[in-house]
Amino acid sequence: MRDSQSSGYGRIFLGDGAGDPAHSLAVLVVDDCRLYRESLSGILSEQDAVSSVWSAHNRESLQLQLGRFHPQVVLLNLASAGSLYLLRAVREDKANARVIVIGVDEDDEDEIIHCAQLGVSGYFNRSESLEQLLDLIRRVGRGETLYSPRVAEVLTRRLADMATQRKPGRRAVVLTSREHQVLELVGEGRTNKDIAEALSIEVYTVKNHVHSVLAKLGVRRRGEAAAAIRDLDGRRSTNRMDYADTSP
C-alpha cells in the first residue's frame, strides 16, 4: 500500500503545515502484532506531515522509544496483550505524547472509562476507515481531544452517575490483603487471567475477589474500581476513609 493515491483513500495531509518540518509529527505505533505495526508504520511514513514513525511491541520497547524519540502522538492497539498496562506506562513516563487508542469497542463501557482515566485523547473504533484514522492523528496532533458520539455519551453518563453517587461524610471500606492486591492489578488494566497468574490463584477465585471489591466500593464496573483505588489511597492518607488489611 505504498501508493496512497491508488489505495482508494487519497492523500491525507496531517496538519496545517503539511510538508513543513516545523509542523510535522513524530508518531509511535504500539502493537504486539508485527504485521499490523509494520503495515501501519509504512502507511504513516508516506504522509508528508509525519516527520518520523517508530514502533514498539511491549512495555520495555515502549519506554525505550518514548525516551529516545519523544513522539507527539502514540497509536496504541487495544488488541495488544496488556494494552491498558501499556497505556498506563505512557502516562507514568510523563511523556508529552497524546494517545489515540485503536480498536475500541464502543459497547465496552469499562474500557472506554479506563482509557479516559488514563488520559486518552482520541478513540478509533473498529468500523472506521484509514482515512478517518489519519484525520484523527492530524487533529489530535494539533491538540484536540476527540470522542465519537457514543464515547461521549458513555463518559457523560458516567460523570452524572458519579455525581449522583457522591455522598458527603465518612465511609469505611474494609478490604482483605488479597482484595487489595486484586484491586491494584485491576487498576493496572490486568485481565482476570493476568491477575490469576500474577497471584498464583484460580481465575474463578479472582472473579470472586473482584465481585467482592466492587460491592465494597459501591461500584458496578472494573473501570470505576480502578478509579476508586486512587481515591482509596488518597483518603487513607487524610484519614477520611478507613482501610483495614485483614486476612486473605
Protein backbone atom coordinates (compact mmCIF):
# COMPACT_ATOMS: atom_id res chain seq x y z
CA MET A 1 0.00 0.00 0.00
CA ARG A 2 2.85 2.28 -0.87
CA ASP A 3 0.94 4.29 -3.45
CA SER A 4 -1.60 6.20 -1.35
CA GLN A 5 -3.18 7.72 -4.46
CA SER A 6 -4.22 4.27 -5.72
CA SER A 7 -5.35 2.96 -2.36
CA GLY A 8 -8.82 4.44 -2.56
CA TYR A 9 -8.18 6.71 0.43
CA GLY A 10 -6.30 9.51 -1.33
CA ARG A 11 -3.56 11.58 0.19
CA ILE A 12 -4.17 12.87 3.70
CA PHE A 13 -2.15 15.83 4.94
CA LEU A 14 -1.72 15.70 8.71
CA GLY A 15 -1.71 19.31 9.78
CA ASP A 16 -1.83 22.86 8.56
CA GLY A 17 1.90 22.80 7.88
CA ALA A 18 1.95 19.63 5.78
CA GLY A 19 5.39 19.18 4.26
CA ASP A 20 6.89 21.74 6.64
CA PRO A 21 9.22 20.00 9.16
CA ALA A 22 8.36 22.63 11.75
CA HIS A 23 4.78 21.35 11.78
CA SER A 24 5.38 17.64 11.22
CA LEU A 25 4.56 14.87 13.67
CA ALA A 26 6.64 12.16 15.28
CA VAL A 27 4.41 9.11 15.71
CA LEU A 28 4.89 5.93 17.76
CA VAL A 29 2.89 2.83 16.79
CA VAL A 30 2.36 0.34 19.64
CA ASP A 31 1.09 -3.10 18.63
CA ASP A 32 2.23 -6.60 19.60
CA CYS A 33 1.40 -7.91 16.10
CA ARG A 34 4.44 -7.27 13.92
CA LEU A 35 2.47 -7.40 10.67
CA TYR A 36 -0.02 -4.76 11.83
CA ARG A 37 2.51 -2.35 13.31
CA GLU A 38 4.83 -2.58 10.29
CA SER A 39 1.93 -2.06 7.88
CA LEU A 40 0.61 0.98 9.75
CA SER A 41 4.11 2.39 10.19
CA GLY A 42 4.67 2.05 6.43
CA ILE A 43 1.46 3.91 5.65
CA LEU A 44 2.25 6.71 8.08
CA SER A 45 5.81 7.07 6.78
CA GLU A 46 4.35 8.12 3.42
CA GLN A 47 2.41 11.02 4.91
CA ASP A 48 4.03 14.40 4.16
CA ALA A 49 3.36 15.82 7.61
CA VAL A 50 4.84 12.84 9.52
CA SER A 51 8.48 13.51 10.24
CA SER A 52 9.23 10.10 11.74
CA VAL A 53 7.48 6.87 12.64
CA TRP A 54 8.68 4.48 15.34
CA SER A 55 7.19 1.31 16.73
CA ALA A 56 7.03 -0.69 19.96
CA HIS A 57 5.57 -4.06 20.91
CA ASN A 58 5.85 -4.27 24.72
CA ARG A 59 6.46 -2.11 27.78
CA GLU A 60 10.25 -2.22 27.50
CA SER A 61 10.35 -1.15 23.85
CA LEU A 62 7.62 1.44 24.51
CA GLN A 63 9.60 3.10 27.29
CA LEU A 64 12.76 2.98 25.18
CA GLN A 65 11.10 4.69 22.21
CA LEU A 66 9.41 7.31 24.38
CA GLY A 67 12.75 8.24 25.92
CA ARG A 68 14.66 8.27 22.65
CA PHE A 69 12.31 9.93 20.20
CA HIS A 70 9.73 11.88 22.23
CA PRO A 71 6.80 11.23 19.87
CA GLN A 72 3.95 13.71 19.77
CA VAL A 73 1.32 11.05 19.03
CA VAL A 74 1.15 7.45 20.26
CA LEU A 75 -1.14 4.98 18.46
CA LEU A 76 -1.91 2.06 20.77
CA ASN A 77 -3.82 -1.01 19.58
CA LEU A 78 -6.15 -2.18 22.35
CA ALA A 79 -5.97 -5.71 20.93
CA SER A 80 -2.35 -5.93 22.10
CA ALA A 81 -1.65 -8.02 25.18
CA GLY A 82 -1.77 -5.85 28.32
CA SER A 83 -2.85 -2.81 26.30
CA LEU A 84 -4.19 -0.87 29.28
CA TYR A 85 -0.97 -1.73 31.14
CA LEU A 86 0.95 -0.18 28.22
CA LEU A 87 -1.34 2.84 28.27
CA ARG A 88 -0.58 3.33 31.95
CA ALA A 89 3.14 3.14 31.11
CA VAL A 90 2.78 6.09 28.72
CA ARG A 91 1.15 8.12 31.46
CA GLU A 92 3.72 7.13 34.09
CA ASP A 93 6.52 8.10 31.72
CA LYS A 94 5.19 11.68 31.92
CA ALA A 95 5.71 11.98 28.18
CA ASN A 96 4.10 14.85 26.33
CA ALA A 97 2.71 12.42 23.77
CA ARG A 98 -1.02 12.43 23.11
CA VAL A 99 -2.53 8.96 22.83
CA ILE A 100 -5.01 7.52 20.35
CA VAL A 101 -6.36 4.06 21.13
CA ILE A 102 -7.13 1.87 18.13
CA GLY A 103 -9.87 -0.77 18.02
CA VAL A 104 -12.00 0.49 20.90
CA ASP A 105 -15.24 -1.45 21.39
CA GLU A 106 -17.90 1.21 21.83
CA ASP A 107 -20.07 -1.30 23.72
CA ASP A 108 -17.36 -1.89 26.32
CA GLU A 109 -18.02 0.96 28.73
CA ASP A 110 -15.36 -0.18 31.21
CA GLU A 111 -12.68 0.01 28.52
CA ILE A 112 -13.84 3.47 27.44
CA ILE A 113 -13.82 4.78 31.00
CA HIS A 114 -10.45 3.27 31.82
CA CYS A 115 -8.91 4.82 28.72
CA ALA A 116 -10.35 8.21 29.64
CA GLN A 117 -8.91 7.91 33.15
CA LEU A 118 -5.51 7.28 31.62
CA GLY A 119 -5.65 10.43 29.52
CA VAL A 120 -6.52 9.17 26.05
CA SER A 121 -7.01 11.99 23.54
CA GLY A 122 -8.71 10.05 20.76
CA TYR A 123 -10.70 6.85 20.21
CA PHE A 124 -10.62 4.97 16.90
CA ASN A 125 -13.31 2.30 16.71
CA ARG A 126 -13.41 -0.95 14.77
CA SER A 127 -15.70 0.27 11.98
CA GLU A 128 -13.74 3.39 10.96
CA SER A 129 -11.52 3.78 7.91
CA LEU A 130 -7.85 4.54 7.35
CA GLU A 131 -8.81 8.00 6.12
CA GLN A 132 -10.62 8.64 9.40
CA LEU A 133 -7.61 7.42 11.38
CA LEU A 134 -5.29 9.79 9.53
CA ASP A 135 -7.67 12.69 10.16
CA LEU A 136 -7.81 11.73 13.84
CA ILE A 137 -3.99 11.71 14.06
CA ARG A 138 -3.85 15.14 12.43
CA ARG A 139 -6.38 16.67 14.80
CA VAL A 140 -5.06 15.04 17.98
CA GLY A 141 -1.54 16.02 16.96
CA ARG A 142 -2.55 19.67 16.93
CA GLY A 143 -4.01 19.47 20.41
CA GLU A 144 -7.64 18.37 20.03
CA THR A 145 -9.31 15.73 22.21
CA LEU A 146 -11.88 13.81 20.17
CA TYR A 147 -14.63 11.38 21.12
CA SER A 148 -17.25 9.75 18.96
CA PRO A 149 -20.89 10.47 19.93
CA ARG A 150 -21.14 7.04 21.56
CA VAL A 151 -17.95 7.50 23.62
CA ALA A 152 -19.06 10.99 24.65
CA GLU A 153 -22.40 9.55 25.77
CA VAL A 154 -20.67 6.92 27.93
CA LEU A 155 -18.36 9.47 29.55
CA THR A 156 -21.15 11.97 30.19
CA ARG A 157 -23.36 9.33 31.77
CA ARG A 158 -20.54 8.09 33.98
CA LEU A 159 -19.83 11.60 35.24
CA ALA A 160 -23.53 12.02 36.02
CA ASP A 161 -23.57 8.69 37.87
CA MET A 162 -20.54 9.68 39.91
CA ALA A 163 -22.15 13.00 40.86
CA THR A 164 -25.32 11.19 41.94
CA GLN A 165 -23.48 8.57 43.95
CA ARG A 166 -21.19 11.04 45.68
CA LYS A 167 -22.33 11.48 49.26
CA PRO A 168 -20.86 13.70 52.00
CA GLY A 169 -19.46 12.27 55.16
CA ARG A 170 -17.20 9.44 56.16
CA ARG A 171 -17.44 5.92 54.86
CA ALA A 172 -15.45 2.89 55.86
CA VAL A 173 -14.06 0.45 53.34
CA VAL A 174 -12.61 -2.78 54.66
CA LEU A 175 -10.60 -4.89 52.21
CA THR A 176 -8.60 -8.02 52.82
CA SER A 177 -4.95 -8.01 51.78
CA ARG A 178 -5.81 -10.27 48.84
CA GLU A 179 -8.64 -7.97 47.74
CA HIS A 180 -6.28 -5.02 47.84
CA GLN A 181 -3.77 -6.92 45.68
CA VAL A 182 -6.50 -7.71 43.19
CA LEU A 183 -7.72 -4.10 43.18
CA GLU A 184 -4.23 -2.79 42.45
CA LEU A 185 -3.88 -5.16 39.50
CA VAL A 186 -7.34 -4.19 38.22
CA GLY A 187 -6.11 -0.60 38.37
CA GLU A 188 -3.22 -1.57 36.08
CA GLY A 189 -5.69 -2.83 33.49
CA ARG A 190 -4.92 -6.52 34.04
CA THR A 191 -7.42 -9.18 32.97
CA ASN A 192 -8.72 -11.82 35.37
CA LYS A 193 -6.38 -14.33 33.77
CA ASP A 194 -3.38 -12.00 34.19
CA ILE A 195 -4.28 -11.43 37.84
CA ALA A 196 -4.68 -15.15 38.47
CA GLU A 197 -1.22 -15.83 37.05
CA ALA A 198 0.37 -12.95 38.98
CA LEU A 199 -1.11 -14.09 42.31
CA SER A 200 -0.94 -17.86 41.60
CA ILE A 201 -4.65 -18.37 42.18
CA GLU A 202 -7.53 -19.66 40.06
CA VAL A 203 -9.41 -17.40 37.65
CA TYR A 204 -12.72 -18.11 39.38
CA THR A 205 -11.13 -17.00 42.69
CA VAL A 206 -10.11 -13.73 41.04
CA LYS A 207 -13.68 -13.24 39.82
CA ASN A 208 -14.97 -13.72 43.36
CA HIS A 209 -12.48 -11.19 44.73
CA VAL A 210 -13.37 -8.66 42.00
CA HIS A 211 -17.08 -9.09 42.73
CA SER A 212 -16.44 -8.56 46.45
CA VAL A 213 -14.30 -5.46 45.85
CA LEU A 214 -16.91 -3.89 43.56
CA ALA A 215 -19.59 -4.49 46.18
CA LYS A 216 -17.49 -3.00 48.99
CA LEU A 217 -16.59 0.08 46.95
CA GLY A 218 -20.19 0.55 45.88
CA VAL A 219 -19.40 0.46 42.16
CA ARG A 220 -20.58 -1.75 39.33
CA ARG A 221 -17.71 -1.86 36.86
CA ARG A 222 -13.97 -2.51 36.84
CA GLY A 223 -13.27 0.94 35.43
CA GLU A 224 -14.88 2.52 38.47
CA ALA A 225 -12.87 0.25 40.77
CA ALA A 226 -9.67 1.38 39.04
CA ALA A 227 -10.55 4.99 39.86
CA ALA A 228 -11.55 4.00 43.40
CA ILE A 229 -8.09 2.69 44.23
CA ARG A 230 -6.64 6.17 43.77
CA ASP A 231 -9.46 7.64 45.85
CA LEU A 232 -8.86 4.95 48.47
CA ASP A 233 -5.15 5.70 48.75
CA GLY A 234 -5.80 9.44 48.91
CA ARG A 235 -8.39 9.14 51.61
CA ARG A 236 -6.21 6.79 53.66
CA SER A 237 -3.55 9.50 53.80
CA THR A 238 -6.04 12.05 55.16
CA ASN A 239 -7.96 9.65 57.41
CA ARG A 240 -11.21 10.39 55.63
CA MET A 241 -11.59 6.75 54.61
CA ASP A 242 -10.80 3.81 56.86
CA TYR A 243 -8.85 0.90 55.42
CA ALA A 244 -8.40 -2.38 57.20
CA ASP A 245 -5.94 -5.00 55.97
CA THR A 246 -7.46 -8.21 57.25
CA SER A 247 -6.57 -11.80 56.44
CA PRO A 248 -6.83 -13.01 52.81
